[in-house]
Amino acid sequence: DNNNNNNLRDLSLTKAVATLSTPQLLTQLSLLDEFRRSPTNNLYQRVRALFFLYAVHRFHLPERRRLLEDKQKKKKRRKCRGVKNDDDEQFEQQQQQQQQQQ
């Protein structure tokens, strides 16, 4: 168990954040904020938690938002040009299958 804690502690913030989905990351940030506000933890741990919160909110979340917006823009451009994406094709296939079953 101590080895697991050391491995987690030595993991870079970027790698740790990359393993989580956005909802999972937000949940972990909430837990980290609760930890930071807890008066029972020592000052060093609380300040370290604050730096992690700052880094994720300042760098990682905005990057995820930018990537999501870029993906949505590309999807919109493809749709305007009449290019179908995988989701459109899957939807059409499902509808065709439903019509054949009826």
C-alpha atoms as a PDB file:
ATOM      1  CA  ASP A   1       0.000   0.000   0.000  1.00  0.00           C
ATOM      2  CA  ASN A   2       2.865   2.350   0.804  1.00  0.00           C
ATOM      3  CA  ASN A   3       4.391   1.547  -2.593  1.00  0.00           C
ATOM      4  CA  ASN A   4       1.087   2.502  -4.284  1.00  0.00           C
ATOM      5  CA  ASN A   5       1.058   5.823  -2.410  1.00  0.00           C
ATOM      6  CA  ASN A   6       4.633   6.520  -3.516  1.00  0.00           C
ATOM      7  CA  ASN A   7       3.817   5.664  -7.138  1.00  0.00           C
ATOM      8  CA  LEU A   8       0.800   7.970  -7.054  1.00  0.00           C
ATOM      9  CA  ARG A   9       2.807  10.728  -5.377  1.00  0.00           C
ATOM     10  CA  ASP A  10       5.555  10.474  -8.013  1.00  0.00           C
ATOM     11  CA  LEU A  11       3.079  10.592 -10.919  1.00  0.00           C
ATOM     12  CA  SER A  12       3.110  13.926 -12.732  1.00  0.00           C
ATOM     13  CA  LEU A  13      -0.051  16.003 -12.529  1.00  0.00           C
ATOM     14  CA  THR A  14      -0.379  15.946 -16.312  1.00  0.00           C
ATOM     15  CA  LYS A  15      -0.314  12.150 -16.421  1.00  0.00           C
ATOM     16  CA  ALA A  16      -2.738  11.867 -13.513  1.00  0.00           C
ATOM     17  CA  VAL A  17      -5.192  14.300 -15.124  1.00  0.00           C
ATOM     18  CA  ALA A  18      -4.919  12.543 -18.493  1.00  0.00           C
ATOM     19  CA  THR A  19      -6.197   9.280 -16.983  1.00  0.00           C
ATOM     20  CA  LEU A  20      -9.481  10.879 -15.872  1.00  0.00           C
ATOM     21  CA  SER A  21     -12.550  11.874 -17.823  1.00  0.00           C
ATOM     22  CA  THR A  22     -13.760  15.421 -17.259  1.00  0.00           C
ATOM     23  CA  PRO A  23     -16.574  14.374 -14.853  1.00  0.00           C
ATOM     24  CA  GLN A  24     -14.106  12.211 -12.916  1.00  0.00           C
ATOM     25  CA  LEU A  25     -11.623  15.075 -12.812  1.00  0.00           C
ATOM     26  CA  LEU A  26     -14.242  17.492 -11.488  1.00  0.00           C
ATOM     27  CA  THR A  27     -15.173  14.994  -8.765  1.00  0.00           C
ATOM     28  CA  GLN A  28     -11.541  14.628  -7.766  1.00  0.00           C
ATOM     29  CA  LEU A  29     -11.110  18.413  -7.746  1.00  0.00           C
ATOM     30  CA  SER A  30     -14.073  18.703  -5.405  1.00  0.00           C
ATOM     31  CA  LEU A  31     -12.522  16.148  -3.050  1.00  0.00           C
ATOM     32  CA  LEU A  32      -9.168  17.923  -3.236  1.00  0.00           C
ATOM     33  CA  ASP A  33     -10.838  21.238  -2.397  1.00  0.00           C
ATOM     34  CA  GLU A  34     -12.518  19.641   0.627  1.00  0.00           C
ATOM     35  CA  PHE A  35      -9.126  18.284   1.673  1.00  0.00           C
ATOM     36  CA  ARG A  36      -7.582  21.742   1.253  1.00  0.00           C
ATOM     37  CA  ARG A  37     -10.211  23.348   3.445  1.00  0.00           C
ATOM     38  CA  SER A  38      -9.876  20.760   6.208  1.00  0.00           C
ATOM     39  CA  PRO A  39      -8.183  22.309   9.252  1.00  0.00           C
ATOM     40  CA  THR A  40      -6.968  18.883  10.409  1.00  0.00           C
ATOM     41  CA  ASN A  41      -4.407  18.602   7.585  1.00  0.00           C
ATOM     42  CA  ASN A  42      -1.041  20.273   7.966  1.00  0.00           C
ATOM     43  CA  LEU A  43      -0.328  23.538   6.212  1.00  0.00           C
ATOM     44  CA  TYR A  44       2.118  22.021   3.716  1.00  0.00           C
ATOM     45  CA  GLN A  45      -0.478  19.495   2.499  1.00  0.00           C
ATOM     46  CA  ARG A  46      -3.152  22.168   2.243  1.00  0.00           C
ATOM     47  CA  VAL A  47      -0.903  24.537   0.253  1.00  0.00           C
ATOM     48  CA  ARG A  48       0.190  21.691  -2.028  1.00  0.00           C
ATOM     49  CA  ALA A  49      -3.459  20.843  -2.677  1.00  0.00           C
ATOM     50  CA  LEU A  50      -4.102  24.493  -3.502  1.00  0.00           C
ATOM     51  CA  PHE A  51      -1.287  24.491  -6.072  1.00  0.00           C
ATOM     52  CA  PHE A  52      -2.721  21.360  -7.689  1.00  0.00           C
ATOM     53  CA  LEU A  53      -6.164  22.956  -7.818  1.00  0.00           C
ATOM     54  CA  TYR A  54      -4.692  26.082  -9.379  1.00  0.00           C
ATOM     55  CA  ALA A  55      -2.748  24.128 -12.001  1.00  0.00           C
ATOM     56  CA  VAL A  56      -5.716  22.019 -13.071  1.00  0.00           C
ATOM     57  CA  HIS A  57      -8.111  24.977 -13.243  1.00  0.00           C
ATOM     58  CA  ARG A  58      -5.573  27.232 -14.956  1.00  0.00           C
ATOM     59  CA  PHE A  59      -4.061  24.837 -17.486  1.00  0.00           C
ATOM     60  CA  HIS A  60      -5.770  21.462 -17.795  1.00  0.00           C
ATOM     61  CA  LEU A  61      -9.482  22.351 -17.772  1.00  0.00           C
ATOM     62  CA  PRO A  62      -9.122  25.227 -20.271  1.00  0.00           C
ATOM     63  CA  GLU A  63      -7.162  22.907 -22.581  1.00  0.00           C
ATOM     64  CA  ARG A  64      -9.939  20.323 -22.410  1.00  0.00           C
ATOM     65  CA  ARG A  65     -12.495  22.997 -23.178  1.00  0.00           C
ATOM     66  CA  ARG A  66     -10.460  24.224 -26.142  1.00  0.00           C
ATOM     67  CA  LEU A  67     -10.133  20.679 -27.512  1.00  0.00           C
ATOM     68  CA  LEU A  68     -13.877  20.117 -27.122  1.00  0.00           C
ATOM     69  CA  GLU A  69     -14.684  23.406 -28.864  1.00  0.00           C
ATOM     70  CA  ASP A  70     -12.282  22.551 -31.705  1.00  0.00           C
ATOM     71  CA  LYS A  71     -13.922  19.161 -32.100  1.00  0.00           C
ATOM     72  CA  GLN A  72     -17.378  20.770 -32.200  1.00  0.00           C
ATOM     73  CA  LYS A  73     -16.223  23.322 -34.777  1.00  0.00           C
ATOM     74  CA  LYS A  74     -14.799  20.588 -37.001  1.00  0.00           C
ATOM     75  CA  LYS A  75     -18.008  18.608 -36.697  1.00  0.00           C
ATOM     76  CA  LYS A  76     -20.052  21.680 -37.593  1.00  0.00           C
ATOM     77  CA  ARG A  77     -17.845  22.455 -40.613  1.00  0.00           C
ATOM     78  CA  ARG A  78     -18.105  18.866 -41.816  1.00  0.00           C
ATOM     79  CA  LYS A  79     -21.870  18.972 -41.406  1.00  0.00           C
ATOM     80  CA  CYS A  80     -22.085  22.240 -43.377  1.00  0.00           C
ATOM     81  CA  ARG A  81     -20.083  20.659 -46.199  1.00  0.00           C
ATOM     82  CA  GLY A  82     -22.312  17.604 -46.153  1.00  0.00           C
ATOM     83  CA  VAL A  83     -19.602  15.279 -44.874  1.00  0.00           C
ATOM     84  CA  LYS A  84     -21.009  12.588 -42.641  1.00  0.00           C
ATOM     85  CA  ASN A  85     -19.216  11.539 -39.498  1.00  0.00           C
ATOM     86  CA  ASP A  86     -19.282   8.134 -37.821  1.00  0.00           C
ATOM     87  CA  ASP A  87     -22.134   9.149 -35.505  1.00  0.00           C
ATOM     88  CA  ASP A  88     -24.329  10.178 -38.452  1.00  0.00           C
ATOM     89  CA  GLU A  89     -23.654   6.903 -40.253  1.00  0.00           C
ATOM     90  CA  GLN A  90     -24.387   4.835 -37.142  1.00  0.00           C
ATOM     91  CA  PHE A  91     -27.635   6.729 -36.601  1.00  0.00           C
ATOM     92  CA  GLU A  92     -28.704   6.140 -40.190  1.00  0.00           C
ATOM     93  CA  GLN A  93     -27.852   2.438 -39.942  1.00  0.00           C
ATOM     94  CA  GLN A  94     -29.897   2.114 -36.755  1.00  0.00           C
ATOM     95  CA  GLN A  95     -32.851   3.827 -38.403  1.00  0.00           C
ATOM     96  CA  GLN A  96     -32.617   1.554 -41.450  1.00  0.00           C
ATOM     97  CA  GLN A  97     -32.512  -1.512 -39.215  1.00  0.00           C
ATOM     98  CA  GLN A  98     -35.582  -0.290 -37.312  1.00  0.00           C
ATOM     99  CA  GLN A  99     -37.468   0.299 -40.561  1.00  0.00           C
ATOM    100  CA  GLN A 100     -36.573  -3.171 -41.800  1.00  0.00           C
ATOM    101  CA  GLN A 101     -37.811  -4.718 -38.568  1.00  0.00           C
ATOM    102  CA  GLN A 102     -41.181  -2.959 -38.936  1.00  0.00           C
END
